[in-house]
C-alpha atoms as a PDB file:
ATOM      1  CA  MET A   1       5.175 -10.041  17.533  1.00  0.00           C
ATOM      2  CA  ALA A   2       2.961  -6.857  17.772  1.00  0.00           C
ATOM      3  CA  THR A   3       5.748  -4.805  18.834  1.00  0.00           C
ATOM      4  CA  SER A   4       8.042  -5.956  16.115  1.00  0.00           C
ATOM      5  CA  ALA A   5       5.480  -5.149  13.527  1.00  0.00           C
ATOM      6  CA  VAL A   6       4.737  -1.877  14.892  1.00  0.00           C
ATOM      7  CA  ALA A   7       8.758  -1.100  14.965  1.00  0.00           C
ATOM      8  CA  ARG A   8       8.982  -2.244  11.130  1.00  0.00           C
ATOM      9  CA  ASP A   9       5.903   0.146  10.383  1.00  0.00           C
ATOM     10  CA  VAL A  10       7.863   3.260  12.033  1.00  0.00           C
ATOM     11  CA  VAL A  11      11.126   2.327  10.171  1.00  0.00           C
ATOM     12  CA  PHE A  12       9.170   1.939   6.861  1.00  0.00           C
ATOM     13  CA  ALA A  13       7.486   5.295   7.449  1.00  0.00           C
ATOM     14  CA  LEU A  14      10.776   7.239   8.234  1.00  0.00           C
ATOM     15  CA  ARG A  15      12.483   5.779   5.158  1.00  0.00           C
ATOM     16  CA  GLN A  16       9.581   6.945   3.035  1.00  0.00           C
ATOM     17  CA  LYS A  17      10.170  10.587   4.571  1.00  0.00           C
ATOM     18  CA  ILE A  18      14.020  10.267   4.059  1.00  0.00           C
ATOM     19  CA  ALA A  19      13.345   9.331   0.720  1.00  0.00           C
ATOM     20  CA  LYS A  20      11.128  12.050  -0.152  1.00  0.00           C
ATOM     21  CA  ILE A  21      13.531  14.717   1.393  1.00  0.00           C
ATOM     22  CA  GLU A  22      16.405  13.334  -0.724  1.00  0.00           C
ATOM     23  CA  GLY A  23      14.110  12.902  -3.695  1.00  0.00           C
ATOM     24  CA  THR A  24      14.940   9.370  -4.333  1.00  0.00           C
ATOM     25  CA  LEU A  25      13.310   5.786  -4.061  1.00  0.00           C
ATOM     26  CA  ALA A  26      13.156   4.583  -0.535  1.00  0.00           C
ATOM     27  CA  GLU A  27      14.623   1.328  -1.981  1.00  0.00           C
ATOM     28  CA  ARG A  28      17.689   3.173  -2.807  1.00  0.00           C
ATOM     29  CA  LEU A  29      18.497   4.078   0.884  1.00  0.00           C
ATOM     30  CA  VAL A  30      21.218   2.095   2.956  1.00  0.00           C
ATOM     31  CA  SER A  31      20.034   0.051   5.693  1.00  0.00           C
ATOM     32  CA  PRO A  32      21.001   1.493   8.907  1.00  0.00           C
ATOM     33  CA  ALA A  33      21.603  -1.708  10.557  1.00  0.00           C
ATOM     34  CA  ASP A  34      24.572  -2.904   8.815  1.00  0.00           C
ATOM     35  CA  GLY A  35      24.962  -0.587   5.972  1.00  0.00           C
ATOM     36  CA  GLN A  36      24.083  -3.498   3.573  1.00  0.00           C
ATOM     37  CA  PRO A  37      21.726  -3.125   0.620  1.00  0.00           C
ATOM     38  CA  VAL A  38      18.047  -3.401   1.482  1.00  0.00           C
ATOM     39  CA  ALA A  39      16.674  -6.965  -0.284  1.00  0.00           C
ATOM     40  CA  GLY A  40      19.131  -6.725  -2.903  1.00  0.00           C
ATOM     41  CA  LEU A  41      18.305  -3.461  -4.522  1.00  0.00           C
ATOM     42  CA  LEU A  42      20.051  -0.684  -5.566  1.00  0.00           C
ATOM     43  CA  VAL A  43      21.587   1.609  -2.624  1.00  0.00           C
ATOM     44  CA  ARG A  44      23.525   4.780  -2.067  1.00  0.00           C
ATOM     45  CA  ARG A  45      26.855   4.947  -0.281  1.00  0.00           C
ATOM     46  CA  ASN A  46      27.944   8.372  -0.367  1.00  0.00           C
ATOM     47  CA  GLY A  47      26.685   8.906  -3.513  1.00  0.00           C
ATOM     48  CA  GLN A  48      28.299   5.876  -5.279  1.00  0.00           C
ATOM     49  CA  ALA A  49      26.201   2.664  -6.500  1.00  0.00           C
ATOM     50  CA  SER A  50      26.940   0.009  -8.943  1.00  0.00           C
ATOM     51  CA  ALA A  51      23.800  -0.900 -10.720  1.00  0.00           C
ATOM     52  CA  ARG A  52      25.363  -4.187 -12.240  1.00  0.00           C
ATOM     53  CA  ASP A  53      25.691  -5.676  -8.885  1.00  0.00           C
ATOM     54  CA  PHE A  54      21.753  -5.272  -8.265  1.00  0.00           C
ATOM     55  CA  PHE A  55      20.467  -5.331 -12.001  1.00  0.00           C
ATOM     56  CA  LEU A  56      20.384  -7.484 -14.800  1.00  0.00           C
ATOM     57  CA  PRO A  57      20.634  -4.999 -17.866  1.00  0.00           C
ATOM     58  CA  THR A  58      18.287  -6.234 -20.826  1.00  0.00           C
ATOM     59  CA  GLY A  59      20.683  -4.491 -23.405  1.00  0.00           C
ATOM     60  CA  VAL A  60      18.172  -2.213 -24.427  1.00  0.00           C
ATOM     61  CA  GLU A  61      19.225   1.181 -23.183  1.00  0.00           C
ATOM     62  CA  ARG A  62      15.811   3.023 -23.357  1.00  0.00           C
ATOM     63  CA  LEU A  63      13.979  -0.061 -21.487  1.00  0.00           C
ATOM     64  CA  ASP A  64      16.870  -0.046 -18.763  1.00  0.00           C
ATOM     65  CA  GLU A  65      16.542   3.626 -18.091  1.00  0.00           C
ATOM     66  CA  VAL A  66      12.816   3.395 -17.750  1.00  0.00           C
ATOM     67  CA  LEU A  67      13.080   0.302 -15.294  1.00  0.00           C
ATOM     68  CA  GLY A  68      15.761   2.052 -13.406  1.00  0.00           C
ATOM     69  CA  GLY A  69      18.926   0.177 -14.448  1.00  0.00           C
ATOM     70  CA  GLY A  70      17.311  -3.260 -15.687  1.00  0.00           C
ATOM     71  CA  LEU A  71      15.542  -6.169 -14.118  1.00  0.00           C
ATOM     72  CA  PRO A  72      16.602  -6.846 -10.522  1.00  0.00           C
ATOM     73  CA  LYS A  73      18.718  -9.780 -10.032  1.00  0.00           C
ATOM     74  CA  ALA A  74      17.424 -11.113  -6.652  1.00  0.00           C
ATOM     75  CA  ALA A  75      13.719 -10.748  -7.131  1.00  0.00           C
ATOM     76  CA  LEU A  76      10.623 -11.980  -8.648  1.00  0.00           C
ATOM     77  CA  THR A  77       9.783 -10.674 -12.108  1.00  0.00           C
ATOM     78  CA  GLU A  78       6.471 -11.299 -13.936  1.00  0.00           C
ATOM     79  CA  ILE A  79       6.018 -11.808 -17.548  1.00  0.00           C
ATOM     80  CA  HIS A  80       2.424 -11.832 -18.720  1.00  0.00           C
ATOM     81  CA  GLY A  81       0.837 -13.123 -21.822  1.00  0.00           C
ATOM     82  CA  SER A  82      -2.916 -11.989 -22.087  1.00  0.00           C
ATOM     83  CA  GLU A  83      -3.677 -14.663 -24.399  1.00  0.00           C
ATOM     84  CA  THR A  84      -2.773 -18.296 -24.735  1.00  0.00           C
ATOM     85  CA  ARG A  85      -1.511 -17.770 -28.167  1.00  0.00           C
ATOM     86  CA  ASN A  86       0.850 -15.455 -26.813  1.00  0.00           C
ATOM     87  CA  ALA A  87       2.627 -18.028 -24.740  1.00  0.00           C
ATOM     88  CA  GLY A  88       5.394 -18.438 -27.335  1.00  0.00           C
ATOM     89  CA  ALA A  89       6.246 -14.727 -27.118  1.00  0.00           C
ATOM     90  CA  ALA A  90       6.162 -14.779 -23.385  1.00  0.00           C
ATOM     91  CA  ALA A  91       8.368 -17.855 -22.897  1.00  0.00           C
ATOM     92  CA  GLY A  92      10.627 -16.441 -25.674  1.00  0.00           C
ATOM     93  CA  LEU A  93      11.297 -13.015 -23.744  1.00  0.00           C
ATOM     94  CA  ALA A  94      11.852 -15.093 -20.546  1.00  0.00           C
ATOM     95  CA  LEU A  95      14.478 -17.128 -22.319  1.00  0.00           C
ATOM     96  CA  SER A  96      16.097 -14.060 -23.801  1.00  0.00           C
ATOM     97  CA  LEU A  97      16.490 -12.540 -20.292  1.00  0.00           C
ATOM     98  CA  VAL A  98      17.856 -15.936 -18.962  1.00  0.00           C
ATOM     99  CA  SER A  99      20.391 -16.295 -21.710  1.00  0.00           C
ATOM    100  CA  GLY A 100      21.511 -12.786 -20.768  1.00  0.00           C
ATOM    101  CA  MET A 101      21.977 -13.846 -17.237  1.00  0.00           C
ATOM    102  CA  LEU A 102      23.875 -16.995 -17.951  1.00  0.00           C
ATOM    103  CA  LYS A 103      26.097 -15.037 -20.259  1.00  0.00           C
ATOM    104  CA  GLN A 104      27.211 -12.615 -17.337  1.00  0.00           C
ATOM    105  CA  ARG A 105      27.767 -15.446 -14.759  1.00  0.00           C
ATOM    106  CA  SER A 106      29.853 -17.373 -17.248  1.00  0.00           C
ATOM    107  CA  ARG A 107      29.615 -20.673 -15.254  1.00  0.00           C
ATOM    108  CA  SER A 108      29.188 -23.726 -17.395  1.00  0.00           C
ATOM    109  CA  SER A 109      27.708 -25.567 -14.369  1.00  0.00           C
ATOM    110  CA  ASP A 110      24.685 -23.192 -14.143  1.00  0.00           C
ATOM    111  CA  LEU A 111      21.417 -24.904 -14.349  1.00  0.00           C
ATOM    112  CA  VAL A 112      18.041 -23.332 -15.489  1.00  0.00           C
ATOM    113  CA  LEU A 113      14.721 -24.952 -13.768  1.00  0.00           C
ATOM    114  CA  TRP A 114      11.503 -24.451 -15.967  1.00  0.00           C
ATOM    115  CA  VAL A 115       8.491 -25.705 -13.582  1.00  0.00           C
ATOM    116  CA  GLY A 116       4.726 -25.539 -14.844  1.00  0.00           C
ATOM    117  CA  THR A 117       1.567 -27.311 -14.557  1.00  0.00           C
ATOM    118  CA  THR A 118       0.528 -30.276 -16.621  1.00  0.00           C
ATOM    119  CA  GLU A 119      -2.404 -28.184 -17.936  1.00  0.00           C
ATOM    120  CA  MET A 120      -0.089 -25.274 -19.042  1.00  0.00           C
ATOM    121  CA  PHE A 121       2.636 -27.856 -20.830  1.00  0.00           C
ATOM    122  CA  ARG A 122      -0.531 -29.612 -22.595  1.00  0.00           C
ATOM    123  CA  GLU A 123      -1.771 -26.319 -23.962  1.00  0.00           C
ATOM    124  CA  ALA A 124       1.700 -24.622 -24.839  1.00  0.00           C
ATOM    125  CA  GLY A 125       3.943 -27.583 -25.195  1.00  0.00           C
ATOM    126  CA  LEU A 126       7.189 -28.135 -23.194  1.00  0.00           C
ATOM    127  CA  PRO A 127      10.301 -26.225 -24.188  1.00  0.00           C
ATOM    128  CA  TYR A 128      12.399 -27.630 -26.953  1.00  0.00           C
ATOM    129  CA  ALA A 129      15.956 -28.294 -25.692  1.00  0.00           C
ATOM    130  CA  PRO A 130      17.672 -28.373 -29.070  1.00  0.00           C
ATOM    131  CA  GLY A 131      16.015 -25.116 -30.143  1.00  0.00           C
ATOM    132  CA  LEU A 132      17.104 -23.381 -26.721  1.00  0.00           C
ATOM    133  CA  ALA A 133      20.715 -24.179 -27.382  1.00  0.00           C
ATOM    134  CA  SER A 134      20.857 -22.880 -30.766  1.00  0.00           C
ATOM    135  CA  PHE A 135      18.604 -19.775 -30.260  1.00  0.00           C
ATOM    136  CA  PHE A 136      19.249 -18.979 -26.757  1.00  0.00           C
ATOM    137  CA  GLY A 137      22.617 -20.663 -25.960  1.00  0.00           C
ATOM    138  CA  ILE A 138      21.231 -22.697 -23.087  1.00  0.00           C
ATOM    139  CA  PRO A 139      22.685 -26.450 -23.471  1.00  0.00           C
ATOM    140  CA  ALA A 140      20.404 -29.028 -23.126  1.00  0.00           C
ATOM    141  CA  GLU A 141      22.103 -30.488 -20.289  1.00  0.00           C
ATOM    142  CA  SER A 142      21.492 -27.296 -18.231  1.00  0.00           C
ATOM    143  CA  LEU A 143      17.907 -27.323 -18.790  1.00  0.00           C
ATOM    144  CA  LEU A 144      15.638 -28.995 -15.835  1.00  0.00           C
ATOM    145  CA  LEU A 145      12.146 -29.412 -16.398  1.00  0.00           C
ATOM    146  CA  ALA A 146       9.451 -30.290 -13.740  1.00  0.00           C
ATOM    147  CA  GLU A 147       5.603 -30.825 -14.125  1.00  0.00           C
ATOM    148  CA  ALA A 148       3.130 -30.788 -11.565  1.00  0.00           C
ATOM    149  CA  PRO A 149      -0.553 -31.295 -11.488  1.00  0.00           C
ATOM    150  CA  LYS A 150      -1.439 -28.275  -9.222  1.00  0.00           C
ATOM    151  CA  ALA A 151      -0.239 -24.805  -9.137  1.00  0.00           C
ATOM    152  CA  ALA A 152       0.520 -25.363  -5.431  1.00  0.00           C
ATOM    153  CA  ASP A 153       2.928 -27.846  -6.405  1.00  0.00           C
ATOM    154  CA  VAL A 154       4.244 -25.788  -8.838  1.00  0.00           C
ATOM    155  CA  LEU A 155       5.012 -22.945  -6.113  1.00  0.00           C
ATOM    156  CA  TRP A 156       6.338 -25.416  -3.616  1.00  0.00           C
ATOM    157  CA  ILE A 157       8.963 -26.771  -6.257  1.00  0.00           C
ATOM    158  CA  ALA A 158      10.098 -23.227  -7.233  1.00  0.00           C
ATOM    159  CA  GLU A 159      10.508 -22.140  -3.592  1.00  0.00           C
ATOM    160  CA  GLU A 160      12.706 -24.961  -2.620  1.00  0.00           C
ATOM    161  CA  ALA A 161      14.703 -24.832  -5.985  1.00  0.00           C
ATOM    162  CA  ALA A 162      15.617 -21.463  -5.476  1.00  0.00           C
ATOM    163  CA  ARG A 163      17.524 -22.369  -2.495  1.00  0.00           C
ATOM    164  CA  ILE A 164      19.961 -24.668  -4.375  1.00  0.00           C
ATOM    165  CA  GLU A 165      23.185 -22.933  -5.374  1.00  0.00           C
ATOM    166  CA  GLU A 166      23.468 -24.871  -8.691  1.00  0.00           C
ATOM    167  CA  ILE A 167      20.458 -23.424 -10.074  1.00  0.00           C
ATOM    168  CA  ALA A 168      21.010 -19.937 -11.785  1.00  0.00           C
ATOM    169  CA  ALA A 169      17.310 -19.243 -12.421  1.00  0.00           C
ATOM    170  CA  VAL A 170      13.920 -20.401 -12.022  1.00  0.00           C
ATOM    171  CA  VAL A 171      11.273 -20.152 -14.557  1.00  0.00           C
ATOM    172  CA  VAL A 172       7.651 -20.817 -13.199  1.00  0.00           C
ATOM    173  CA  GLU A 173       4.814 -21.136 -15.717  1.00  0.00           C
ATOM    174  CA  LEU A 174       1.269 -21.044 -14.855  1.00  0.00           C
ATOM    175  CA  ARG A 175      -1.981 -20.471 -16.753  1.00  0.00           C
ATOM    176  CA  GLY A 176      -4.747 -18.026 -15.899  1.00  0.00           C
ATOM    177  CA  ASN A 177      -5.029 -16.534 -12.421  1.00  0.00           C
ATOM    178  CA  PRO A 178      -5.043 -19.627  -9.753  1.00  0.00           C
ATOM    179  CA  ARG A 179      -6.511 -18.361  -6.738  1.00  0.00           C
ATOM    180  CA  ILE A 180      -3.586 -19.670  -4.526  1.00  0.00           C
ATOM    181  CA  VAL A 181      -0.988 -17.557  -6.576  1.00  0.00           C
ATOM    182  CA  ASP A 182      -1.731 -14.616  -4.419  1.00  0.00           C
ATOM    183  CA  LEU A 183       0.068 -11.689  -2.641  1.00  0.00           C
ATOM    184  CA  THR A 184       1.127 -14.198   0.174  1.00  0.00           C
ATOM    185  CA  ALA A 185       2.568 -16.860  -2.303  1.00  0.00           C
ATOM    186  CA  THR A 186       4.493 -14.303  -4.539  1.00  0.00           C
ATOM    187  CA  ARG A 187       5.819 -12.660  -1.362  1.00  0.00           C
ATOM    188  CA  ARG A 188       7.289 -16.020  -0.562  1.00  0.00           C
ATOM    189  CA  LEU A 189       8.983 -16.527  -3.905  1.00  0.00           C
ATOM    190  CA  HIS A 190      10.124 -12.797  -3.988  1.00  0.00           C
ATOM    191  CA  ARG A 191      11.811 -13.470  -0.582  1.00  0.00           C
ATOM    192  CA  ARG A 192      13.535 -16.670  -1.650  1.00  0.00           C
ATOM    193  CA  ALA A 193      14.574 -14.789  -4.865  1.00  0.00           C
ATOM    194  CA  GLN A 194      16.121 -12.066  -2.610  1.00  0.00           C
ATOM    195  CA  ASP A 195      17.737 -14.683  -0.245  1.00  0.00           C
ATOM    196  CA  SER A 196      19.294 -16.781  -2.741  1.00  0.00           C
ATOM    197  CA  GLY A 197      20.412 -13.773  -5.090  1.00  0.00           C
ATOM    198  CA  ARG A 198      19.190 -15.325  -8.213  1.00  0.00           C
ATOM    199  CA  PRO A 199      16.085 -14.311 -10.279  1.00  0.00           C
ATOM    200  CA  VAL A 200      12.562 -16.143 -10.262  1.00  0.00           C
ATOM    201  CA  LEU A 201      10.477 -15.465 -13.392  1.00  0.00           C
ATOM    202  CA  LEU A 202       6.759 -15.956 -13.169  1.00  0.00           C
ATOM    203  CA  LEU A 203       5.232 -16.638 -16.504  1.00  0.00           C
ATOM    204  CA  ARG A 204       1.303 -15.970 -16.357  1.00  0.00           C
ATOM    205  CA  GLN A 205      -0.090 -17.259 -19.588  1.00  0.00           C
ATOM    206  CA  SER A 206      -3.599 -16.009 -20.364  1.00  0.00           C
ATOM    207  CA  ALA A 207      -3.881 -13.994 -17.312  1.00  0.00           C
ATOM    208  CA  GLU A 208      -4.962 -10.643 -15.991  1.00  0.00           C
ATOM    209  CA  PRO A 209      -2.597  -8.600 -14.011  1.00  0.00           C
ATOM    210  CA  GLU A 210      -3.195  -8.693 -10.390  1.00  0.00           C
ATOM    211  CA  PRO A 211      -1.629  -7.514  -7.221  1.00  0.00           C
ATOM    212  CA  THR A 212       1.692  -9.517  -6.585  1.00  0.00           C
ATOM    213  CA  ALA A 213       4.891  -8.833  -4.447  1.00  0.00           C
ATOM    214  CA  ALA A 214       7.006  -8.698  -7.884  1.00  0.00           C
ATOM    215  CA  PRO A 215       8.718  -5.345  -8.328  1.00  0.00           C
ATOM    216  CA  VAL A 216       8.483  -5.488 -12.284  1.00  0.00           C
ATOM    217  CA  ARG A 217       5.521  -6.799 -14.486  1.00  0.00           C
ATOM    218  CA  LEU A 218       6.138  -7.126 -18.474  1.00  0.00           C
ATOM    219  CA  VAL A 219       3.316  -7.572 -20.590  1.00  0.00           C
ATOM    220  CA  VAL A 220       4.449  -9.374 -23.713  1.00  0.00           C
ATOM    221  CA  SER A 221       2.923 -10.232 -27.164  1.00  0.00           C
ATOM    222  CA  PRO A 222       4.182 -11.151 -30.360  1.00  0.00           C
ATOM    223  CA  ALA A 223       5.338  -8.399 -32.758  1.00  0.00           C
ATOM    224  CA  PRO A 224       5.418  -8.667 -36.511  1.00  0.00           C
ATOM    225  CA  ALA A 225       8.942  -9.474 -37.810  1.00  0.00           C
ATOM    226  CA  THR A 226      10.570  -7.502 -40.635  1.00  0.00           C
ATOM    227  CA  LEU A 227      12.181  -8.519 -43.794  1.00  0.00           C
ATOM    228  CA  ARG A 228      15.583  -9.677 -43.667  1.00  0.00           C
ATOM    229  CA  GLN A 229      18.187  -7.076 -44.743  1.00  0.00           C
ATOM    230  CA  THR A 230      20.820  -7.800 -47.497  1.00  0.00           C
ATOM    231  CA  LEU A 231      23.353  -5.710 -49.358  1.00  0.00           C
ATOM    232  CA  LEU A 232      20.953  -5.112 -51.885  1.00  0.00           C
ATOM    233  CA  GLY A 233      18.330  -4.191 -49.455  1.00  0.00           C
ATOM    234  CA  PRO A 234      15.304  -6.180 -47.859  1.00  0.00           C
ATOM    235  CA  LEU A 235      14.785  -9.503 -49.104  1.00  0.00           C
ATOM    236  CA  ALA A 236      11.297  -9.960 -50.173  1.00  0.00           C
ATOM    237  CA  GLY A 237       9.443 -12.908 -48.539  1.00  0.00           C
ATOM    238  CA  SER A 238      11.804 -13.529 -45.861  1.00  0.00           C
ATOM    239  CA  ILE A 239      11.410 -13.092 -41.965  1.00  0.00           C
ATOM    240  CA  ALA A 240      14.061 -11.332 -39.841  1.00  0.00           C
ATOM    241  CA  ALA A 241      14.767 -11.575 -36.352  1.00  0.00           C
ATOM    242  CA  PRO A 242      11.870 -12.629 -33.897  1.00  0.00           C
ATOM    243  CA  ALA A 243      10.075  -9.676 -32.199  1.00  0.00           C
ATOM    244  CA  PHE A 244       8.197  -9.068 -29.047  1.00  0.00           C
ATOM    245  CA  ALA A 245       6.027  -6.229 -27.989  1.00  0.00           C
ATOM    246  CA  VAL A 246       6.742  -5.489 -24.511  1.00  0.00           C
ATOM    247  CA  GLU A 247       4.733  -2.944 -22.250  1.00  0.00           C
ATOM    248  CA  ILE A 248       5.859  -2.090 -18.793  1.00  0.00           C
ATOM    249  CA  GLY A 249       2.696  -3.007 -16.439  1.00  0.00           C
ATOM    250  CA  LYS A 250       4.435  -2.300 -13.193  1.00  0.00           C
ATOM    251  CA  SER A 251       8.248  -1.162 -12.013  1.00  0.00           C
ATOM    252  CA  ARG A 252       9.872   0.329  -9.312  1.00  0.00           C
ATOM    253  CA  THR A 253      10.081   3.782 -11.114  1.00  0.00           C
ATOM    254  CA  ALA A 254       6.390   3.717 -11.909  1.00  0.00           C
ATOM    255  CA  LEU A 255       7.179   4.901 -15.254  1.00  0.00           C
ATOM    256  CA  PRO A 256       5.021   3.471 -18.406  1.00  0.00           C
ATOM    257  CA  GLY A 257       6.707   2.291 -21.579  1.00  0.00           C
ATOM    258  CA  SER A 258       6.200   0.209 -24.804  1.00  0.00           C
ATOM    259  CA  PHE A 259       8.939  -1.289 -26.796  1.00  0.00           C
ATOM    260  CA  ILE A 260       9.486  -3.554 -29.709  1.00  0.00           C
ATOM    261  CA  LEU A 261      12.177  -5.561 -29.000  1.00  0.00           C
ATOM    262  CA  GLU A 262      14.179  -7.917 -31.549  1.00  0.00           C
ATOM    263  CA  TRP A 263      16.188 -11.097 -30.611  1.00  0.00           C
ATOM    264  CA  ASN A 264      19.489 -11.253 -32.364  1.00  0.00           C
ATOM    265  CA  LEU A 265      20.175 -14.891 -32.797  1.00  0.00           C
ATOM    266  CA  ASP A 266      23.951 -14.399 -33.588  1.00  0.00           C
ATOM    267  CA  ALA A 267      24.850 -12.029 -30.832  1.00  0.00           C
ATOM    268  CA  ARG A 268      21.920 -13.277 -28.518  1.00  0.00           C
ATOM    269  CA  THR A 269      21.025  -9.907 -27.414  1.00  0.00           C
ATOM    270  CA  LEU A 270      17.886  -8.044 -27.333  1.00  0.00           C
ATOM    271  CA  ALA A 271      17.732  -4.518 -29.271  1.00  0.00           C
ATOM    272  CA  GLU A 272      14.876  -2.176 -29.610  1.00  0.00           C
ATOM    273  CA  ARG A 273      13.448  -1.972 -33.278  1.00  0.00           C
ATOM    274  CA  SER A 274      14.118   1.270 -35.250  1.00  0.00           C
ATOM    275  CA  PRO A 275      10.902   3.630 -35.664  1.00  0.00           C
ATOM    276  CA  GLU A 276      11.236   3.221 -39.540  1.00  0.00           C
ATOM    277  CA  ASN A 277      10.696  -0.680 -39.120  1.00  0.00           C
ATOM    278  CA  ARG A 278       7.870  -0.402 -36.695  1.00  0.00           C
ATOM    279  CA  ILE A 279       5.202  -1.607 -39.442  1.00  0.00           C
ATOM    280  CA  ALA A 280       3.575  -4.980 -40.299  1.00  0.00           C
ATOM    281  CA  VAL A 281       5.091  -6.626 -43.150  1.00  0.00           C
ATOM    282  CA  VAL A 282       2.783  -9.844 -43.267  1.00  0.00           C
ATOM    283  CA  SER A 283       0.043  -9.690 -45.866  1.00  0.00           C
ATOM    284  CA  PRO A 284      -3.537 -10.471 -44.773  1.00  0.00           C
ATOM    285  CA  SER A 285      -4.635 -14.072 -45.037  1.00  0.00           C
ATOM    286  CA  ARG A 286      -6.328 -15.408 -48.066  1.00  0.00           C
ATOM    287  CA  GLY A 287     -10.237 -16.030 -48.058  1.00  0.00           C
ATOM    288  CA  ARG A 288     -10.905 -13.465 -45.304  1.00  0.00           C
ATOM    289  CA  THR A 289     -12.633 -10.244 -45.633  1.00  0.00           C
ATOM    290  CA  HIS A 290     -11.116  -6.997 -44.899  1.00  0.00           C
ATOM    291  CA  PRO A 291     -11.552  -5.469 -41.295  1.00  0.00           C
ATOM    292  CA  PRO A 292     -14.271  -3.034 -40.828  1.00  0.00           C
ATOM    293  CA  ALA A 293     -13.313   0.680 -41.498  1.00  0.00           C
ATOM    294  CA  GLN A 294     -13.185   2.758 -38.349  1.00  0.00           C
ATOM    295  CA  ALA A 295     -16.334   4.883 -37.412  1.00  0.00           C
ATOM    296  CA  GLY A 296     -16.498   7.953 -39.151  1.00  0.00           C
ATOM    297  CA  ALA A 297     -14.026   7.053 -41.848  1.00  0.00           C
ATOM    298  CA  VAL A 298     -16.665   6.168 -44.545  1.00  0.00           C
ATOM    299  CA  LEU A 299     -20.115   7.675 -44.778  1.00  0.00           C
ATOM    300  CA  ALA A 300     -22.978   5.743 -46.509  1.00  0.00           C
ATOM    301  CA  PHE A 301     -24.406   8.915 -47.936  1.00  0.00           C
ATOM    302  CA  LYS A 302     -24.041  12.573 -47.553  1.00  0.00           C
ATOM    303  CA  PRO A 303     -26.175  14.257 -44.829  1.00  0.00           C
ATOM    304  CA  ALA A 304     -29.010  15.970 -46.029  1.00  0.00           C
ATOM    305  CA  ALA A 305     -29.604  19.610 -45.396  1.00  0.00           C
ATOM    306  CA  VAL A 306     -31.802  20.779 -42.635  1.00  0.00           C
ATOM    307  CA  GLU A 307     -35.337  21.503 -44.318  1.00  0.00           C
ATOM    308  CA  ALA A 308     -37.626  24.319 -43.328  1.00  0.00           C
ATOM    309  CA  ALA A 309     -40.869  23.599 -41.794  1.00  0.00           C
ATOM    310  CA  GLY A 310     -43.570  22.667 -44.158  1.00  0.00           C
ATOM    311  CA  ASP A 311     -41.274  22.477 -47.292  1.00  0.00           C
ATOM    312  CA  GLN A 312     -42.065  19.292 -49.357  1.00  0.00           C
ATOM    313  CA  PRO A 313     -39.251  17.118 -50.208  1.00  0.00           C
ATOM    314  CA  PRO A 314     -37.693  17.225 -53.660  1.00  0.00           C
ATOM    315  CA  ARG A 315     -39.605  15.482 -56.555  1.00  0.00           C
ATOM    316  CA  GLU A 316     -36.627  13.187 -57.466  1.00  0.00           C
ATOM    317  CA  GLN A 317     -36.972  11.832 -53.758  1.00  0.00           C
ATOM    318  CA  HIS A 318     -40.496  10.391 -54.249  1.00  0.00           C
ATOM    319  CA  PRO A 319     -40.805   6.607 -54.961  1.00  0.00           C
ATOM    320  CA  ALA A 320     -40.462   6.017 -58.656  1.00  0.00           C
ATOM    321  CA  HIS A 321     -43.146   3.175 -58.519  1.00  0.00           C
ATOM    322  CA  ARG A 322     -45.924   5.478 -57.261  1.00  0.00           C
ATOM    323  CA  ARG A 323     -48.961   5.073 -59.837  1.00  0.00           C
ATOM    324  CA  PRO A 324     -50.797   8.150 -61.189  1.00  0.00           C
ATOM    325  CA  ARG A 325     -54.154   8.612 -59.952  1.00  0.00           C
ATOM    326  CA  ARG A 326     -57.277   7.167 -61.715  1.00  0.00           C
ATOM    327  CA  THR A 327     -59.375   9.790 -63.411  1.00  0.00           C
ATOM    328  CA  GLY A 328     -63.194   9.485 -63.796  1.00  0.00           C
END
């Protein structure tokens, strides 16, 4: 056991050195044993490689470029919602990615497993099957729901379901930062995804980022929707496509990035919002005060000039209610 571990460390160190010499990522090298891709990642074979064999393109060109080709198909991917109220946005982005993956597979028998804890479903609600069919093209009969009381049970269900050939994707939804969801547990999920060749999406609702085995982490929050565009221009009071604010928290390329993505309900594709539309169009709620101004933007009074030592202040600065002195 010890000899095997030492051998793996030596191979890993050699791969890092070779990748540094060639100026590429260590994951892009070919396994010297059988010439097959390592862990289902993009590889190099005489300079030839096909990204679509190993990655799931999001459809957003700039996002795919930053991620190095898209999301890995056979891997664990984290989708974080920093607050509970962002659970809808995180779930919406996960469903958008699953919808794109099912479109590529084009198999009507594919199933999607959504497993979560009772606490999470009680807080954010269950996925609405008719809505998934109309918004994301996922038929109700293709959606499997599993509810477990503990996070450990949820992880066990996800690991076992990743082996089933009929299940095309597994979505794991958890709340907070359970202690059991550590580096070891996520490494098992990641390995099951690699062995089965299908993605496992880990939705961390109201959670803080922590070390995991997932090669990609996306932090998601809702973005303001724009106005619906018509032939006569923007339609006042309308709401256009749902939007997500996506920030890359972790990736294989280690490149940062922030995006505003919109979901096209008709084409069922993601698209990046154009720069001219990156503004809030929703008016403030009634009955609330305006937010405080930034520090330094507004001054309560003009700064007084520095006075010389011994000088008396101007007469107009004396209190007006001061009474005159008595005489006699």
